[in-house]
Amino acid sequence: MAARLAAAAEHDARVLVSAVTLVEARDPATAQARFDWVVSRLKAEPVSEQVARTASELLAAAGLHGHKYAMDAIVCATALGQAGPVTILASDVEDIRMLAEEHPRITAVEV
């Protein structure tokens, strides 16, 4: 991830994460200082009611529901709130692709 953040900075690209991603990504095996360093290079976007409603609509459109897809739906909804094309880095790109199928501005890349 450090290399990706360096590349983004080199190209003056914004790196945005949903605030829920900070919870999902926290691994107790990673030192807190290292985690904090990575987070300091990101812009954490809060989960507003509008983001939650958009995430709910994405779930319904994909015929999905429940906690298994909730965080991915929030990430997709956060991405849709941004201008221009958006790349989502994810460990499970299939879930992102199902949720963003109708939104060609979103590209999912496996990490």
N, C-alpha and C. Protein backbone atom coordinates (compact mmCIF):
# COMPACT_ATOMS: atom_id res chain seq x y z
N MET A 1 0.83 -1.19 0.00
CA MET A 1 0.00 0.00 0.00
C MET A 1 0.87 1.25 0.00
N ALA A 2 2.01 1.18 0.69
CA ALA A 2 2.90 2.34 0.73
C ALA A 2 3.35 2.73 -0.68
N ALA A 3 3.64 1.74 -1.52
CA ALA A 3 4.05 2.02 -2.90
C ALA A 3 2.91 2.67 -3.69
N ARG A 4 1.70 2.18 -3.47
CA ARG A 4 0.54 2.77 -4.17
C ARG A 4 0.32 4.22 -3.73
N LEU A 5 0.48 4.49 -2.44
CA LEU A 5 0.32 5.85 -1.94
C LEU A 5 1.40 6.77 -2.50
N ALA A 6 2.63 6.26 -2.60
CA ALA A 6 3.71 7.06 -3.17
C ALA A 6 3.43 7.37 -4.64
N ALA A 7 2.95 6.38 -5.38
CA ALA A 7 2.62 6.59 -6.79
C ALA A 7 1.49 7.61 -6.94
N ALA A 8 0.49 7.52 -6.07
CA ALA A 8 -0.62 8.47 -6.11
C ALA A 8 -0.12 9.88 -5.84
N ALA A 9 0.75 10.04 -4.87
CA ALA A 9 1.30 11.36 -4.54
C ALA A 9 2.12 11.90 -5.70
N GLU A 10 2.88 11.02 -6.34
CA GLU A 10 3.70 11.42 -7.49
C GLU A 10 2.85 11.94 -8.64
N HIS A 11 1.66 11.37 -8.80
CA HIS A 11 0.75 11.78 -9.87
C HIS A 11 -0.30 12.77 -9.40
N ASP A 12 -0.14 13.27 -8.20
CA ASP A 12 -1.07 14.24 -7.61
C ASP A 12 -2.51 13.72 -7.61
N ALA A 13 -2.67 12.42 -7.35
CA ALA A 13 -4.00 11.80 -7.30
C ALA A 13 -4.50 11.77 -5.86
N ARG A 14 -5.76 12.07 -5.70
CA ARG A 14 -6.37 11.98 -4.37
C ARG A 14 -6.60 10.53 -4.02
N VAL A 15 -6.35 10.20 -2.77
CA VAL A 15 -6.63 8.86 -2.27
C VAL A 15 -7.66 9.01 -1.16
N LEU A 16 -8.83 8.53 -1.44
CA LEU A 16 -9.96 8.70 -0.54
C LEU A 16 -10.41 7.33 -0.04
N VAL A 17 -10.80 7.26 1.21
CA VAL A 17 -11.37 6.03 1.75
C VAL A 17 -12.64 6.37 2.51
N SER A 18 -13.54 5.41 2.54
CA SER A 18 -14.70 5.56 3.41
C SER A 18 -14.21 5.37 4.83
N ALA A 19 -14.78 6.11 5.75
CA ALA A 19 -14.39 5.98 7.15
C ALA A 19 -14.56 4.54 7.65
N VAL A 20 -15.52 3.81 7.11
CA VAL A 20 -15.70 2.42 7.56
C VAL A 20 -14.54 1.53 7.13
N THR A 21 -13.83 1.93 6.08
CA THR A 21 -12.66 1.16 5.64
C THR A 21 -11.57 1.17 6.70
N LEU A 22 -11.47 2.26 7.44
CA LEU A 22 -10.47 2.32 8.51
C LEU A 22 -10.75 1.25 9.57
N VAL A 23 -12.00 0.97 9.82
CA VAL A 23 -12.37 -0.07 10.79
C VAL A 23 -12.08 -1.45 10.19
N GLU A 24 -12.49 -1.64 8.96
CA GLU A 24 -12.33 -2.93 8.30
C GLU A 24 -10.86 -3.28 8.09
N ALA A 25 -10.03 -2.29 7.82
CA ALA A 25 -8.62 -2.54 7.47
C ALA A 25 -7.71 -2.69 8.68
N ARG A 26 -8.16 -2.33 9.85
CA ARG A 26 -7.29 -2.36 11.03
C ARG A 26 -6.97 -3.79 11.42
N ASP A 27 -5.70 -4.14 11.27
CA ASP A 27 -5.20 -5.48 11.61
C ASP A 27 -4.35 -5.36 12.87
N PRO A 28 -4.68 -6.10 13.94
CA PRO A 28 -3.90 -5.99 15.17
C PRO A 28 -2.43 -6.42 14.98
N ALA A 29 -2.13 -7.13 13.90
CA ALA A 29 -0.74 -7.53 13.64
C ALA A 29 0.09 -6.37 13.09
N THR A 30 -0.57 -5.31 12.65
CA THR A 30 0.12 -4.12 12.14
C THR A 30 0.29 -3.13 13.28
N ALA A 31 1.50 -2.63 13.41
CA ALA A 31 1.77 -1.64 14.46
C ALA A 31 0.88 -0.42 14.27
N GLN A 32 0.39 0.12 15.38
CA GLN A 32 -0.49 1.28 15.32
C GLN A 32 0.19 2.45 14.61
N ALA A 33 1.47 2.66 14.84
CA ALA A 33 2.19 3.77 14.20
C ALA A 33 2.20 3.59 12.68
N ARG A 34 2.36 2.38 12.21
CA ARG A 34 2.36 2.12 10.76
C ARG A 34 0.98 2.39 10.18
N PHE A 35 -0.05 1.89 10.87
CA PHE A 35 -1.43 2.13 10.44
C PHE A 35 -1.70 3.64 10.38
N ASP A 36 -1.32 4.36 11.43
CA ASP A 36 -1.55 5.80 11.49
C ASP A 36 -0.81 6.53 10.37
N TRP A 37 0.40 6.06 10.02
CA TRP A 37 1.17 6.68 8.94
C TRP A 37 0.40 6.56 7.62
N VAL A 38 -0.10 5.35 7.33
CA VAL A 38 -0.86 5.14 6.10
C VAL A 38 -2.11 6.00 6.09
N VAL A 39 -2.85 6.00 7.19
CA VAL A 39 -4.09 6.77 7.28
C VAL A 39 -3.82 8.27 7.10
N SER A 40 -2.66 8.74 7.55
CA SER A 40 -2.34 10.17 7.43
C SER A 40 -2.21 10.60 5.98
N ARG A 41 -2.05 9.66 5.07
CA ARG A 41 -1.92 9.97 3.66
C ARG A 41 -3.23 9.83 2.88
N LEU A 42 -4.29 9.57 3.60
CA LEU A 42 -5.60 9.36 3.00
C LEU A 42 -6.56 10.45 3.43
N LYS A 43 -7.62 10.60 2.67
CA LYS A 43 -8.73 11.45 3.09
C LYS A 43 -9.88 10.52 3.43
N ALA A 44 -10.23 10.47 4.70
CA ALA A 44 -11.33 9.61 5.13
C ALA A 44 -12.64 10.37 4.96
N GLU A 45 -13.52 9.78 4.18
CA GLU A 45 -14.82 10.38 3.89
C GLU A 45 -15.85 9.82 4.87
N PRO A 46 -16.55 10.68 5.62
CA PRO A 46 -17.55 10.17 6.57
C PRO A 46 -18.72 9.50 5.85
N VAL A 47 -19.40 8.65 6.57
CA VAL A 47 -20.59 7.99 6.03
C VAL A 47 -21.81 8.83 6.42
N SER A 48 -22.30 9.56 5.45
CA SER A 48 -23.47 10.41 5.67
C SER A 48 -24.75 9.60 5.44
N GLU A 49 -25.86 10.20 5.76
CA GLU A 49 -27.14 9.54 5.48
C GLU A 49 -27.30 9.33 3.98
N GLN A 50 -26.86 10.29 3.17
CA GLN A 50 -26.98 10.15 1.72
C GLN A 50 -26.13 8.99 1.21
N VAL A 51 -24.92 8.84 1.73
CA VAL A 51 -24.07 7.71 1.34
C VAL A 51 -24.76 6.40 1.74
N ALA A 52 -25.33 6.36 2.93
CA ALA A 52 -26.03 5.14 3.39
C ALA A 52 -27.22 4.83 2.49
N ARG A 53 -27.97 5.85 2.11
CA ARG A 53 -29.12 5.62 1.23
C ARG A 53 -28.67 5.13 -0.16
N THR A 54 -27.61 5.73 -0.68
CA THR A 54 -27.08 5.29 -1.98
C THR A 54 -26.59 3.86 -1.89
N ALA A 55 -25.91 3.52 -0.80
CA ALA A 55 -25.44 2.14 -0.59
C ALA A 55 -26.62 1.17 -0.56
N SER A 56 -27.68 1.56 0.09
CA SER A 56 -28.88 0.74 0.17
C SER A 56 -29.48 0.53 -1.23
N GLU A 57 -29.50 1.59 -2.03
CA GLU A 57 -30.00 1.49 -3.40
C GLU A 57 -29.12 0.57 -4.25
N LEU A 58 -27.81 0.66 -4.07
CA LEU A 58 -26.90 -0.22 -4.81
C LEU A 58 -27.15 -1.68 -4.45
N LEU A 59 -27.34 -1.95 -3.16
CA LEU A 59 -27.63 -3.32 -2.72
C LEU A 59 -28.92 -3.82 -3.37
N ALA A 60 -29.96 -3.00 -3.33
CA ALA A 60 -31.24 -3.41 -3.89
C ALA A 60 -31.13 -3.66 -5.39
N ALA A 61 -30.42 -2.78 -6.10
CA ALA A 61 -30.28 -2.92 -7.55
C ALA A 61 -29.52 -4.20 -7.92
N ALA A 62 -28.60 -4.61 -7.05
CA ALA A 62 -27.82 -5.83 -7.31
C ALA A 62 -28.49 -7.07 -6.74
N GLY A 63 -29.64 -6.89 -6.06
CA GLY A 63 -30.34 -8.02 -5.46
C GLY A 63 -29.59 -8.60 -4.27
N LEU A 64 -28.83 -7.74 -3.57
CA LEU A 64 -28.04 -8.18 -2.42
C LEU A 64 -28.55 -7.52 -1.15
N HIS A 65 -28.19 -8.10 -0.02
CA HIS A 65 -28.53 -7.47 1.26
C HIS A 65 -27.66 -8.06 2.35
N GLY A 66 -27.70 -7.45 3.51
CA GLY A 66 -27.02 -7.98 4.67
C GLY A 66 -25.59 -7.47 4.86
N HIS A 67 -25.04 -7.86 6.01
CA HIS A 67 -23.74 -7.35 6.40
C HIS A 67 -22.61 -7.82 5.48
N LYS A 68 -22.79 -8.93 4.79
CA LYS A 68 -21.74 -9.44 3.90
C LYS A 68 -21.38 -8.42 2.82
N TYR A 69 -22.34 -7.64 2.38
CA TYR A 69 -22.12 -6.69 1.30
C TYR A 69 -22.20 -5.23 1.75
N ALA A 70 -22.55 -4.99 2.98
CA ALA A 70 -22.82 -3.62 3.44
C ALA A 70 -21.61 -2.70 3.30
N MET A 71 -20.45 -3.14 3.75
CA MET A 71 -19.27 -2.26 3.68
C MET A 71 -18.87 -1.98 2.24
N ASP A 72 -18.94 -3.01 1.39
CA ASP A 72 -18.62 -2.79 -0.02
C ASP A 72 -19.60 -1.81 -0.65
N ALA A 73 -20.86 -1.89 -0.28
CA ALA A 73 -21.86 -0.97 -0.80
C ALA A 73 -21.57 0.46 -0.34
N ILE A 74 -21.13 0.62 0.89
CA ILE A 74 -20.77 1.95 1.39
C ILE A 74 -19.56 2.49 0.63
N VAL A 75 -18.58 1.63 0.37
CA VAL A 75 -17.40 2.05 -0.39
C VAL A 75 -17.83 2.49 -1.80
N CYS A 76 -18.68 1.73 -2.45
CA CYS A 76 -19.16 2.09 -3.79
C CYS A 76 -19.95 3.40 -3.76
N ALA A 77 -20.80 3.55 -2.78
CA ALA A 77 -21.58 4.79 -2.67
C ALA A 77 -20.67 5.98 -2.43
N THR A 78 -19.63 5.80 -1.64
CA THR A 78 -18.66 6.87 -1.41
C THR A 78 -17.96 7.22 -2.73
N ALA A 79 -17.60 6.21 -3.49
CA ALA A 79 -16.95 6.43 -4.79
C ALA A 79 -17.86 7.20 -5.73
N LEU A 80 -19.14 6.85 -5.74
CA LEU A 80 -20.08 7.53 -6.64
C LEU A 80 -20.25 9.00 -6.28
N GLY A 81 -19.96 9.35 -5.05
CA GLY A 81 -20.05 10.75 -4.64
C GLY A 81 -18.89 11.61 -5.11
N GLN A 82 -17.91 10.99 -5.77
CA GLN A 82 -16.74 11.71 -6.25
C GLN A 82 -16.90 12.04 -7.73
N ALA A 83 -16.24 13.08 -8.16
CA ALA A 83 -16.29 13.47 -9.56
C ALA A 83 -15.35 12.60 -10.40
N GLY A 84 -15.74 12.40 -11.64
CA GLY A 84 -14.88 11.69 -12.58
C GLY A 84 -14.79 10.21 -12.35
N PRO A 85 -13.90 9.55 -13.09
CA PRO A 85 -13.71 8.12 -12.91
C PRO A 85 -13.06 7.83 -11.57
N VAL A 86 -13.42 6.70 -10.98
CA VAL A 86 -12.92 6.32 -9.66
C VAL A 86 -12.44 4.87 -9.73
N THR A 87 -11.28 4.62 -9.13
CA THR A 87 -10.76 3.26 -9.02
C THR A 87 -10.87 2.83 -7.57
N ILE A 88 -11.49 1.68 -7.35
CA ILE A 88 -11.60 1.12 -6.01
C ILE A 88 -10.63 -0.04 -5.91
N LEU A 89 -9.75 0.02 -4.93
CA LEU A 89 -8.84 -1.08 -4.64
C LEU A 89 -9.51 -1.97 -3.62
N ALA A 90 -9.63 -3.26 -3.93
CA ALA A 90 -10.35 -4.17 -3.05
C ALA A 90 -9.75 -5.56 -3.11
N SER A 91 -9.91 -6.30 -2.03
CA SER A 91 -9.44 -7.68 -2.01
C SER A 91 -10.44 -8.60 -2.71
N ASP A 92 -11.69 -8.20 -2.75
CA ASP A 92 -12.73 -8.99 -3.41
C ASP A 92 -13.44 -8.12 -4.44
N VAL A 93 -12.87 -8.05 -5.63
CA VAL A 93 -13.41 -7.15 -6.64
C VAL A 93 -14.76 -7.61 -7.18
N GLU A 94 -15.08 -8.88 -7.06
CA GLU A 94 -16.36 -9.36 -7.59
C GLU A 94 -17.54 -8.69 -6.89
N ASP A 95 -17.45 -8.52 -5.57
CA ASP A 95 -18.54 -7.85 -4.85
C ASP A 95 -18.68 -6.40 -5.32
N ILE A 96 -17.55 -5.72 -5.48
CA ILE A 96 -17.59 -4.33 -5.97
C ILE A 96 -18.19 -4.29 -7.36
N ARG A 97 -17.79 -5.19 -8.22
CA ARG A 97 -18.32 -5.22 -9.60
C ARG A 97 -19.81 -5.48 -9.62
N MET A 98 -20.30 -6.36 -8.77
CA MET A 98 -21.75 -6.60 -8.71
C MET A 98 -22.49 -5.34 -8.30
N LEU A 99 -21.95 -4.63 -7.33
CA LEU A 99 -22.62 -3.44 -6.81
C LEU A 99 -22.53 -2.25 -7.76
N ALA A 100 -21.45 -2.17 -8.53
CA ALA A 100 -21.22 -1.01 -9.40
C ALA A 100 -21.48 -1.32 -10.86
N GLU A 101 -22.13 -2.42 -11.13
CA GLU A 101 -22.35 -2.86 -12.51
C GLU A 101 -22.96 -1.78 -13.40
N GLU A 102 -23.86 -1.02 -12.86
CA GLU A 102 -24.56 0.01 -13.64
C GLU A 102 -23.83 1.35 -13.63
N HIS A 103 -22.61 1.38 -13.09
CA HIS A 103 -21.89 2.64 -12.93
C HIS A 103 -20.50 2.53 -13.56
N PRO A 104 -20.39 2.82 -14.84
CA PRO A 104 -19.12 2.64 -15.56
C PRO A 104 -17.99 3.56 -15.08
N ARG A 105 -18.31 4.58 -14.28
CA ARG A 105 -17.25 5.44 -13.74
C ARG A 105 -16.39 4.71 -12.72
N ILE A 106 -16.90 3.59 -12.18
CA ILE A 106 -16.18 2.86 -11.14
C ILE A 106 -15.46 1.66 -11.75
N THR A 107 -14.18 1.57 -11.43
CA THR A 107 -13.36 0.42 -11.82
C THR A 107 -12.85 -0.22 -10.54
N ALA A 108 -12.90 -1.54 -10.47
CA ALA A 108 -12.39 -2.26 -9.31
C ALA A 108 -11.09 -2.95 -9.68
N VAL A 109 -10.08 -2.79 -8.81
CA VAL A 109 -8.77 -3.40 -9.01
C VAL A 109 -8.45 -4.23 -7.78
N GLU A 110 -8.04 -5.47 -8.01
CA GLU A 110 -7.74 -6.36 -6.89
C GLU A 110 -6.37 -6.03 -6.29
N VAL A 111 -6.33 -6.01 -4.98
CA VAL A 111 -5.07 -5.80 -4.25
C VAL A 111 -4.78 -6.99 -3.36
